[in-house]
Protein backbone atom coordinates (compact mmCIF):
# COMPACT_ATOMS: atom_id res chain seq x y z
CA MET A 1 0.00 0.00 0.00
CA THR A 2 1.26 3.47 -0.84
CA LYS A 3 0.48 6.36 1.49
CA GLU A 4 0.33 9.77 -0.17
CA TYR A 5 -1.46 11.82 2.50
CA SER A 6 -0.86 12.58 6.18
CA ASN A 7 -3.58 10.14 7.27
CA ALA A 8 -2.61 6.58 6.29
CA PHE A 9 -6.32 5.77 5.97
CA TRP A 10 -7.10 8.63 3.56
CA LYS A 11 -7.56 7.42 -0.03
CA THR A 12 -5.94 4.05 0.73
CA GLU A 13 -7.24 0.55 1.28
CA LEU A 14 -5.76 0.35 4.79
CA ASP A 15 -9.10 0.09 6.57
CA GLN A 16 -10.26 -2.70 4.27
CA ILE A 17 -6.97 -4.56 4.69
CA LEU A 18 -7.22 -4.35 8.48
CA ILE A 19 -10.91 -5.35 8.49
CA SER A 20 -10.22 -8.33 6.23
CA HIS A 21 -7.66 -9.59 8.77
CA GLY A 22 -9.92 -8.98 11.76
CA VAL A 23 -7.72 -6.23 13.17
CA GLU A 24 -9.33 -4.03 15.82
CA LEU A 25 -6.27 -2.55 17.57
CA VAL A 26 -3.87 -0.34 15.59
CA ILE A 27 -0.47 0.53 17.08
CA ILE A 28 0.87 3.67 15.45
CA SER A 29 4.45 4.90 15.17
CA GLY A 30 6.24 7.16 12.74
CA PHE A 31 7.71 10.54 11.91
CA ALA A 32 5.94 13.92 11.95
CA ALA A 33 4.05 13.45 15.21
CA GLU A 34 2.00 16.59 14.64
CA HIS A 35 0.97 15.50 11.15
CA CYS A 36 1.09 11.90 9.93
CA VAL A 37 1.04 10.21 13.32
CA LEU A 38 -1.75 12.34 14.75
CA PHE A 39 -3.86 12.28 11.58
CA THR A 40 -3.52 8.50 11.27
CA TYR A 41 -4.44 8.07 14.95
CA ASN A 42 -7.58 10.15 14.39
CA GLY A 43 -8.32 8.35 11.12
CA ALA A 44 -8.18 4.98 12.87
CA LYS A 45 -10.48 6.24 15.62
CA GLU A 46 -12.97 7.65 13.09
CA ARG A 47 -13.14 4.27 11.34
CA GLY A 48 -13.89 2.33 14.51
CA PHE A 49 -10.41 0.96 15.26
CA GLU A 50 -8.75 1.28 18.66
CA PRO A 51 -5.59 3.34 18.01
CA ILE A 52 -2.63 3.25 20.37
CA LEU A 53 0.63 5.19 20.05
CA LEU A 54 3.88 3.28 20.47
CA GLN A 55 5.74 4.77 23.42
CA GLN A 56 9.03 6.26 22.19
CA GLY A 57 7.90 5.33 18.67
CA ILE A 58 7.10 8.74 17.23
CA LEU A 59 9.43 11.48 16.08
CA SER A 60 9.25 15.09 15.03
CA SER A 61 11.59 17.96 14.37
CA ASN A 62 9.65 19.71 17.14
CA ASN A 63 9.98 18.04 20.57
CA ASP A 64 6.89 19.85 21.88
CA ALA A 65 4.85 18.17 19.15
CA ILE A 66 5.89 14.75 20.43
CA VAL A 67 4.81 15.59 23.98
CA SER A 68 1.49 17.05 22.86
CA THR A 69 0.77 14.09 20.56
CA TYR A 70 1.23 11.62 23.41
CA ARG A 71 -0.88 13.74 25.78
CA GLU A 72 -4.32 12.25 26.49
CA ARG A 73 -3.96 9.44 23.94
CA ASN A 74 -3.63 5.72 24.48
CA MET A 75 -0.02 4.55 24.58
CA ILE A 76 1.74 1.18 24.78
CA SER A 77 5.39 0.24 25.30
CA TYR A 78 7.33 -2.20 23.15
CA PRO A 79 7.92 -4.60 26.09
CA ALA A 80 4.14 -4.71 26.68
CA ILE A 81 3.55 -5.57 23.02
CA LYS A 82 6.20 -8.29 23.17
CA TYR A 83 4.60 -9.71 26.33
CA LEU A 84 1.08 -9.68 24.87
CA ALA A 85 2.26 -11.24 21.60
CA ASN A 86 3.63 -14.21 23.52
CA LYS A 87 0.31 -14.86 25.31
């Protein structure tokens, strides 16, 4: 899948791909916290998925944007993902 817009769900087949695989939880990481990461988080929420940000998994050229993107949003750490994957 090729992503051309800030929201990975916008004008892509991402939601259909996730639905076809029974995915409900979407863990999001990436660059441009204040753009792509945030817009994809919101896009997942709008489409009925449960979005979670990967702790220490988002970047930005603006450190304040990282802090504000994490604020009041669901977050998960890599060790927690690893633990849950082994259950």
